[in-house]
């Protein structure tokens, strides 16, 4: 979900922009740029960003000041890791903003909701799954691809609702009656798309997915 400019004060936007700038700088420093030196990997990364740009362009206004679209961020993160996930999804949001769909003054807040938070939650879920669950192909696809993507979309949407409530744009009752019923519709499509994408990739192009390894998830299982 993305929020509109008029819902928050310039002071709040300034602090959020500073916070996002620190995270983006960290991602730029940590990014495995050598990997993108490989022309195939660079083309895959840019192609994934273009596909996400198309996905994010298919957006629906849910309420004044609130827009919904599918993310696809979980797949990007599993393919390229946390740092390139933050950078890539930030580039996609910049493309949407350049297209005039959003204002630059709310860019940092929307980047946090649709980029930093989903990417970070996906990375945390991957680490937890590797630590606590058997390393199995189906657990990777269904857990890290399908389930994580749906939960990430729901949590990102929940944070957006909380921000709308504390900003005074809507009351909790309005949000509960008008927006919460849409949450199952957010969870399922996000889960299905990411689960399907990761299944296809690890089956046919596993070298495109940095978080997947045949030795770790398939061989000897």
C-alpha atoms as a PDB file:
ATOM      1  CA  UNK A   1       0.000   0.000   0.000  1.00  0.00           C
ATOM      2  CA  UNK A   2       1.133   3.548  -0.703  1.00  0.00           C
ATOM      3  CA  UNK A   3       0.119   6.737   1.087  1.00  0.00           C
ATOM      4  CA  UNK A   4      -0.523  10.191  -0.309  1.00  0.00           C
ATOM      5  CA  UNK A   5       1.360  13.363   0.548  1.00  0.00           C
ATOM      6  CA  UNK A   6      -1.345  15.383   2.256  1.00  0.00           C
ATOM      7  CA  UNK A   7      -1.813  12.939   5.135  1.00  0.00           C
ATOM      8  CA  UNK A   8       1.421  13.740   7.003  1.00  0.00           C
ATOM      9  CA  UNK A   9       3.304  16.824   8.160  1.00  0.00           C
ATOM     10  CA  UNK A  10       6.540  18.003   6.568  1.00  0.00           C
ATOM     11  CA  UNK A  11       8.368  17.332   9.857  1.00  0.00           C
ATOM     12  CA  UNK A  12       7.361  13.674   9.832  1.00  0.00           C
ATOM     13  CA  UNK A  13       8.329  13.394   6.178  1.00  0.00           C
ATOM     14  CA  UNK A  14      11.732  14.934   6.943  1.00  0.00           C
ATOM     15  CA  UNK A  15      12.539  12.404   9.678  1.00  0.00           C
ATOM     16  CA  UNK A  16      11.359   9.504   7.528  1.00  0.00           C
ATOM     17  CA  UNK A  17      13.485  10.752   4.617  1.00  0.00           C
ATOM     18  CA  UNK A  18      16.544  10.866   6.886  1.00  0.00           C
ATOM     19  CA  UNK A  19      15.882   7.350   8.151  1.00  0.00           C
ATOM     20  CA  UNK A  20      15.392   6.009   4.634  1.00  0.00           C
ATOM     21  CA  UNK A  21      18.553   7.768   3.450  1.00  0.00           C
ATOM     22  CA  UNK A  22      20.606   5.985   6.136  1.00  0.00           C
ATOM     23  CA  UNK A  23      19.147   2.598   5.172  1.00  0.00           C
ATOM     24  CA  UNK A  24      19.682   3.243   1.463  1.00  0.00           C
ATOM     25  CA  UNK A  25      23.287   4.263   2.079  1.00  0.00           C
ATOM     26  CA  UNK A  26      23.863   1.055   4.050  1.00  0.00           C
ATOM     27  CA  UNK A  27      22.352  -0.964   1.196  1.00  0.00           C
ATOM     28  CA  UNK A  28      24.568   0.787  -1.363  1.00  0.00           C
ATOM     29  CA  UNK A  29      27.666   0.037   0.710  1.00  0.00           C
ATOM     30  CA  UNK A  30      26.733  -3.609   1.337  1.00  0.00           C
ATOM     31  CA  UNK A  31      25.484  -4.411  -2.175  1.00  0.00           C
ATOM     32  CA  UNK A  32      27.353  -7.174  -4.036  1.00  0.00           C
ATOM     33  CA  UNK A  33      28.153  -4.980  -7.026  1.00  0.00           C
ATOM     34  CA  UNK A  34      30.623  -7.550  -8.343  1.00  0.00           C
ATOM     35  CA  UNK A  35      27.717  -9.893  -8.977  1.00  0.00           C
ATOM     36  CA  UNK A  36      26.109  -7.325 -11.250  1.00  0.00           C
ATOM     37  CA  UNK A  37      29.387  -7.161 -13.141  1.00  0.00           C
ATOM     38  CA  UNK A  38      28.225 -10.406 -14.719  1.00  0.00           C
ATOM     39  CA  UNK A  39      26.134  -9.328 -17.708  1.00  0.00           C
ATOM     40  CA  UNK A  40      23.575 -12.100 -17.251  1.00  0.00           C
ATOM     41  CA  UNK A  41      22.996 -11.220 -13.594  1.00  0.00           C
ATOM     42  CA  UNK A  42      22.765  -7.514 -14.443  1.00  0.00           C
ATOM     43  CA  UNK A  43      20.179  -8.200 -17.131  1.00  0.00           C
ATOM     44  CA  UNK A  44      18.179 -10.394 -14.754  1.00  0.00           C
ATOM     45  CA  UNK A  45      18.266  -7.689 -12.059  1.00  0.00           C
ATOM     46  CA  UNK A  46      17.176  -4.941 -14.438  1.00  0.00           C
ATOM     47  CA  UNK A  47      14.555  -7.213 -15.994  1.00  0.00           C
ATOM     48  CA  UNK A  48      13.147  -8.000 -12.547  1.00  0.00           C
ATOM     49  CA  UNK A  49      12.941  -4.271 -11.786  1.00  0.00           C
ATOM     50  CA  UNK A  50      11.103  -3.624 -15.061  1.00  0.00           C
ATOM     51  CA  UNK A  51       8.602  -6.406 -14.328  1.00  0.00           C
ATOM     52  CA  UNK A  52       8.042  -4.978 -10.867  1.00  0.00           C
ATOM     53  CA  UNK A  53       7.528  -1.532 -12.383  1.00  0.00           C
ATOM     54  CA  UNK A  54       4.777  -2.972 -14.563  1.00  0.00           C
ATOM     55  CA  UNK A  55       3.277  -4.786 -11.556  1.00  0.00           C
ATOM     56  CA  UNK A  56       3.307  -1.637  -9.419  1.00  0.00           C
ATOM     57  CA  UNK A  57       1.719   0.346 -12.242  1.00  0.00           C
ATOM     58  CA  UNK A  58      -1.378  -1.849 -11.936  1.00  0.00           C
ATOM     59  CA  UNK A  59      -2.704  -0.029  -8.886  1.00  0.00           C
ATOM     60  CA  UNK A  60      -6.107   0.476  -7.349  1.00  0.00           C
ATOM     61  CA  UNK A  61      -7.204   3.348  -5.063  1.00  0.00           C
ATOM     62  CA  UNK A  62      -8.709   1.824  -1.931  1.00  0.00           C
ATOM     63  CA  UNK A  63      -9.503   5.056  -0.078  1.00  0.00           C
ATOM     64  CA  UNK A  64      -8.547   8.700  -0.671  1.00  0.00           C
ATOM     65  CA  UNK A  65      -4.845   8.883   0.098  1.00  0.00           C
ATOM     66  CA  UNK A  66      -4.338   5.100  -0.001  1.00  0.00           C
ATOM     67  CA  UNK A  67      -3.433   3.010  -3.040  1.00  0.00           C
ATOM     68  CA  UNK A  68      -2.960  -0.748  -3.283  1.00  0.00           C
ATOM     69  CA  UNK A  69      -0.811  -2.777  -5.658  1.00  0.00           C
ATOM     70  CA  UNK A  70       1.015  -6.104  -5.581  1.00  0.00           C
ATOM     71  CA  UNK A  71       4.647  -5.906  -4.448  1.00  0.00           C
ATOM     72  CA  UNK A  72       6.721  -8.813  -5.791  1.00  0.00           C
ATOM     73  CA  UNK A  73       9.458  -7.686  -3.396  1.00  0.00           C
ATOM     74  CA  UNK A  74       9.845 -11.111  -1.779  1.00  0.00           C
ATOM     75  CA  UNK A  75      10.988 -12.654  -5.060  1.00  0.00           C
ATOM     76  CA  UNK A  76      13.453  -9.826  -5.700  1.00  0.00           C
ATOM     77  CA  UNK A  77      14.936 -10.244  -2.219  1.00  0.00           C
ATOM     78  CA  UNK A  78      15.270 -14.013  -2.482  1.00  0.00           C
ATOM     79  CA  UNK A  79      16.946 -13.575  -5.859  1.00  0.00           C
ATOM     80  CA  UNK A  80      19.420 -10.811  -4.986  1.00  0.00           C
ATOM     81  CA  UNK A  81      19.553 -10.408  -1.197  1.00  0.00           C
ATOM     82  CA  UNK A  82      18.658  -7.602   1.186  1.00  0.00           C
ATOM     83  CA  UNK A  83      20.825  -4.786  -0.193  1.00  0.00           C
ATOM     84  CA  UNK A  84      19.923  -5.190  -3.871  1.00  0.00           C
ATOM     85  CA  UNK A  85      16.317  -5.805  -2.831  1.00  0.00           C
ATOM     86  CA  UNK A  86      16.217  -2.391  -1.148  1.00  0.00           C
ATOM     87  CA  UNK A  87      17.979  -0.726  -4.089  1.00  0.00           C
ATOM     88  CA  UNK A  88      15.902  -2.426  -6.774  1.00  0.00           C
ATOM     89  CA  UNK A  89      12.522  -1.769  -5.163  1.00  0.00           C
ATOM     90  CA  UNK A  90      13.614   1.817  -4.520  1.00  0.00           C
ATOM     91  CA  UNK A  91      14.354   2.205  -8.227  1.00  0.00           C
ATOM     92  CA  UNK A  92      10.918   0.829  -9.046  1.00  0.00           C
ATOM     93  CA  UNK A  93       9.246   3.313  -6.704  1.00  0.00           C
ATOM     94  CA  UNK A  94      11.301   6.114  -8.265  1.00  0.00           C
ATOM     95  CA  UNK A  95       9.979   5.064 -11.673  1.00  0.00           C
ATOM     96  CA  UNK A  96       6.395   5.147 -10.390  1.00  0.00           C
ATOM     97  CA  UNK A  97       7.019   8.583  -8.873  1.00  0.00           C
ATOM     98  CA  UNK A  98       8.571   9.916 -12.076  1.00  0.00           C
ATOM     99  CA  UNK A  99       5.443   8.748 -13.877  1.00  0.00           C
ATOM    100  CA  UNK A 100       3.471  11.182 -11.728  1.00  0.00           C
ATOM    101  CA  UNK A 101       1.546   8.612  -9.705  1.00  0.00           C
ATOM    102  CA  UNK A 102       3.072   9.802  -6.415  1.00  0.00           C
ATOM    103  CA  UNK A 103       4.747  12.907  -5.005  1.00  0.00           C
ATOM    104  CA  UNK A 104       8.469  13.049  -4.231  1.00  0.00           C
ATOM    105  CA  UNK A 105       7.813  14.480  -0.782  1.00  0.00           C
ATOM    106  CA  UNK A 106       6.217  11.194   0.305  1.00  0.00           C
ATOM    107  CA  UNK A 107       8.779   9.022  -1.508  1.00  0.00           C
ATOM    108  CA  UNK A 108      10.708   8.030   1.633  1.00  0.00           C
ATOM    109  CA  UNK A 109       7.590   6.946   3.543  1.00  0.00           C
ATOM    110  CA  UNK A 110       6.329   4.840   0.653  1.00  0.00           C
ATOM    111  CA  UNK A 111       9.821   3.434   0.162  1.00  0.00           C
ATOM    112  CA  UNK A 112       9.781   2.271   3.760  1.00  0.00           C
ATOM    113  CA  UNK A 113       6.332   0.666   3.375  1.00  0.00           C
ATOM    114  CA  UNK A 114       6.855  -0.989  -0.014  1.00  0.00           C
ATOM    115  CA  UNK A 115      10.617  -1.522  -0.061  1.00  0.00           C
ATOM    116  CA  UNK A 116      12.567  -1.487   3.209  1.00  0.00           C
ATOM    117  CA  UNK A 117       9.982  -3.217   5.394  1.00  0.00           C
ATOM    118  CA  UNK A 118       9.027  -6.021   2.952  1.00  0.00           C
ATOM    119  CA  UNK A 119      12.653  -6.669   1.966  1.00  0.00           C
ATOM    120  CA  UNK A 120      13.810  -6.787   5.586  1.00  0.00           C
ATOM    121  CA  UNK A 121      10.953  -9.057   6.684  1.00  0.00           C
ATOM    122  CA  UNK A 122      11.676 -11.412   3.781  1.00  0.00           C
ATOM    123  CA  UNK A 123      15.351 -11.591   4.733  1.00  0.00           C
ATOM    124  CA  UNK A 124      14.514 -12.203   8.406  1.00  0.00           C
ATOM    125  CA  UNK A 125      12.052 -14.962   7.453  1.00  0.00           C
ATOM    126  CA  UNK A 126      14.736 -16.611   5.300  1.00  0.00           C
ATOM    127  CA  UNK A 127      17.243 -16.601   8.165  1.00  0.00           C
ATOM    128  CA  UNK A 128      14.676 -17.965  10.623  1.00  0.00           C
ATOM    129  CA  UNK A 129      13.562 -20.710   8.224  1.00  0.00           C
ATOM    130  CA  UNK A 130      17.145 -21.837   7.669  1.00  0.00           C
ATOM    131  CA  UNK A 131      17.774 -21.883  11.415  1.00  0.00           C
ATOM    132  CA  UNK A 132      14.558 -23.516  12.643  1.00  0.00           C
ATOM    133  CA  UNK A 133      13.169 -25.623   9.780  1.00  0.00           C
ATOM    134  CA  UNK A 134      14.520 -28.508   7.700  1.00  0.00           C
ATOM    135  CA  UNK A 135      16.346 -27.331   4.586  1.00  0.00           C
ATOM    136  CA  UNK A 136      13.927 -28.678   2.023  1.00  0.00           C
ATOM    137  CA  UNK A 137      12.887 -27.565  -1.465  1.00  0.00           C
ATOM    138  CA  UNK A 138       9.187 -27.418  -0.579  1.00  0.00           C
ATOM    139  CA  UNK A 139       9.794 -25.532   2.654  1.00  0.00           C
ATOM    140  CA  UNK A 140      11.828 -22.985   0.698  1.00  0.00           C
ATOM    141  CA  UNK A 141       9.193 -22.492  -1.995  1.00  0.00           C
ATOM    142  CA  UNK A 142       6.092 -22.649   0.202  1.00  0.00           C
ATOM    143  CA  UNK A 143       7.581 -21.036   3.295  1.00  0.00           C
ATOM    144  CA  UNK A 144       9.981 -18.404   1.975  1.00  0.00           C
ATOM    145  CA  UNK A 145       8.214 -17.842  -1.332  1.00  0.00           C
ATOM    146  CA  UNK A 146       4.479 -18.304  -0.765  1.00  0.00           C
ATOM    147  CA  UNK A 147       3.809 -17.765   2.946  1.00  0.00           C
ATOM    148  CA  UNK A 148       6.416 -15.057   3.525  1.00  0.00           C
ATOM    149  CA  UNK A 149       5.180 -12.981   0.574  1.00  0.00           C
ATOM    150  CA  UNK A 150       1.601 -13.045   1.848  1.00  0.00           C
ATOM    151  CA  UNK A 151       2.575 -12.166   5.400  1.00  0.00           C
ATOM    152  CA  UNK A 152       4.868  -9.377   4.217  1.00  0.00           C
ATOM    153  CA  UNK A 153       2.049  -7.825   2.190  1.00  0.00           C
ATOM    154  CA  UNK A 154      -0.329  -8.063   5.150  1.00  0.00           C
ATOM    155  CA  UNK A 155       2.168  -6.553   7.612  1.00  0.00           C
ATOM    156  CA  UNK A 156       3.049  -3.733   5.226  1.00  0.00           C
ATOM    157  CA  UNK A 157      -0.635  -2.992   4.753  1.00  0.00           C
ATOM    158  CA  UNK A 158      -1.211  -3.151   8.512  1.00  0.00           C
ATOM    159  CA  UNK A 159       1.522  -0.582   9.123  1.00  0.00           C
ATOM    160  CA  UNK A 160      -0.042   1.667   6.474  1.00  0.00           C
ATOM    161  CA  UNK A 161      -3.387   1.453   8.279  1.00  0.00           C
ATOM    162  CA  UNK A 162      -1.725   2.279  11.598  1.00  0.00           C
ATOM    163  CA  UNK A 163      -0.066   5.335  10.058  1.00  0.00           C
ATOM    164  CA  UNK A 164      -3.399   6.458   8.630  1.00  0.00           C
ATOM    165  CA  UNK A 165      -4.976   6.130  12.054  1.00  0.00           C
ATOM    166  CA  UNK A 166      -2.318   8.035  14.002  1.00  0.00           C
ATOM    167  CA  UNK A 167      -2.239  10.760  11.347  1.00  0.00           C
ATOM    168  CA  UNK A 168      -5.925  11.374  11.999  1.00  0.00           C
ATOM    169  CA  UNK A 169      -6.852  10.807   8.361  1.00  0.00           C
ATOM    170  CA  UNK A 170      -9.242   7.997   9.327  1.00  0.00           C
ATOM    171  CA  UNK A 171     -10.650   6.614  12.559  1.00  0.00           C
ATOM    172  CA  UNK A 172      -9.940   3.040  13.627  1.00  0.00           C
ATOM    173  CA  UNK A 173     -13.615   2.227  13.067  1.00  0.00           C
ATOM    174  CA  UNK A 174     -13.495   3.481   9.476  1.00  0.00           C
ATOM    175  CA  UNK A 175     -10.340   1.492   8.781  1.00  0.00           C
ATOM    176  CA  UNK A 176     -11.778  -1.635  10.366  1.00  0.00           C
ATOM    177  CA  UNK A 177     -14.984  -1.464   8.364  1.00  0.00           C
ATOM    178  CA  UNK A 178     -13.617  -0.278   5.018  1.00  0.00           C
ATOM    179  CA  UNK A 179     -10.078  -1.655   4.737  1.00  0.00           C
ATOM    180  CA  UNK A 180      -9.532  -4.704   6.934  1.00  0.00           C
ATOM    181  CA  UNK A 181     -11.909  -6.847   4.823  1.00  0.00           C
ATOM    182  CA  UNK A 182      -9.497  -6.360   1.903  1.00  0.00           C
ATOM    183  CA  UNK A 183      -6.545  -7.933   3.742  1.00  0.00           C
ATOM    184  CA  UNK A 184      -7.270 -11.521   2.589  1.00  0.00           C
ATOM    185  CA  UNK A 185      -7.306 -10.155  -0.960  1.00  0.00           C
ATOM    186  CA  UNK A 186      -3.861  -8.671  -0.306  1.00  0.00           C
ATOM    187  CA  UNK A 187      -2.429 -11.856   1.182  1.00  0.00           C
ATOM    188  CA  UNK A 188      -3.468 -14.463  -1.375  1.00  0.00           C
ATOM    189  CA  UNK A 189      -2.460 -12.842  -4.721  1.00  0.00           C
ATOM    190  CA  UNK A 190       0.899 -11.736  -3.288  1.00  0.00           C
ATOM    191  CA  UNK A 191       1.557 -15.221  -1.941  1.00  0.00           C
ATOM    192  CA  UNK A 192       0.532 -16.975  -5.157  1.00  0.00           C
ATOM    193  CA  UNK A 193       2.543 -14.740  -7.492  1.00  0.00           C
ATOM    194  CA  UNK A 194       5.745 -14.913  -5.467  1.00  0.00           C
ATOM    195  CA  UNK A 195       5.370 -18.626  -4.744  1.00  0.00           C
ATOM    196  CA  UNK A 196       4.851 -19.352  -8.428  1.00  0.00           C
ATOM    197  CA  UNK A 197       7.783 -17.172  -9.514  1.00  0.00           C
ATOM    198  CA  UNK A 198      10.167 -18.783  -7.033  1.00  0.00           C
ATOM    199  CA  UNK A 199       9.044 -22.284  -7.989  1.00  0.00           C
ATOM    200  CA  UNK A 200       9.774 -21.617 -11.657  1.00  0.00           C
ATOM    201  CA  UNK A 201      13.106 -19.937 -10.939  1.00  0.00           C
ATOM    202  CA  UNK A 202      14.551 -22.571  -8.607  1.00  0.00           C
ATOM    203  CA  UNK A 203      13.404 -25.301 -10.994  1.00  0.00           C
ATOM    204  CA  UNK A 204      14.765 -23.827 -14.223  1.00  0.00           C
ATOM    205  CA  UNK A 205      17.135 -20.952 -13.320  1.00  0.00           C
ATOM    206  CA  UNK A 206      18.471 -21.663  -9.807  1.00  0.00           C
ATOM    207  CA  UNK A 207      21.648 -19.667 -10.512  1.00  0.00           C
ATOM    208  CA  UNK A 208      19.461 -16.553 -10.658  1.00  0.00           C
ATOM    209  CA  UNK A 209      18.410 -17.060  -7.020  1.00  0.00           C
ATOM    210  CA  UNK A 210      21.193 -16.198  -4.590  1.00  0.00           C
ATOM    211  CA  UNK A 211      19.340 -17.600  -1.558  1.00  0.00           C
ATOM    212  CA  UNK A 212      18.842 -21.042  -3.136  1.00  0.00           C
ATOM    213  CA  UNK A 213      21.358 -23.844  -3.451  1.00  0.00           C
ATOM    214  CA  UNK A 214      20.879 -27.357  -4.845  1.00  0.00           C
ATOM    215  CA  UNK A 215      23.370 -28.676  -2.301  1.00  0.00           C
ATOM    216  CA  UNK A 216      21.471 -27.059   0.569  1.00  0.00           C
ATOM    217  CA  UNK A 217      17.884 -27.767  -0.396  1.00  0.00           C
ATOM    218  CA  UNK A 218      17.845 -30.759  -2.787  1.00  0.00           C
ATOM    219  CA  UNK A 219      20.935 -32.986  -2.893  1.00  0.00           C
ATOM    220  CA  UNK A 220      20.797 -35.795  -0.385  1.00  0.00           C
ATOM    221  CA  UNK A 221      17.264 -34.913   0.768  1.00  0.00           C
END
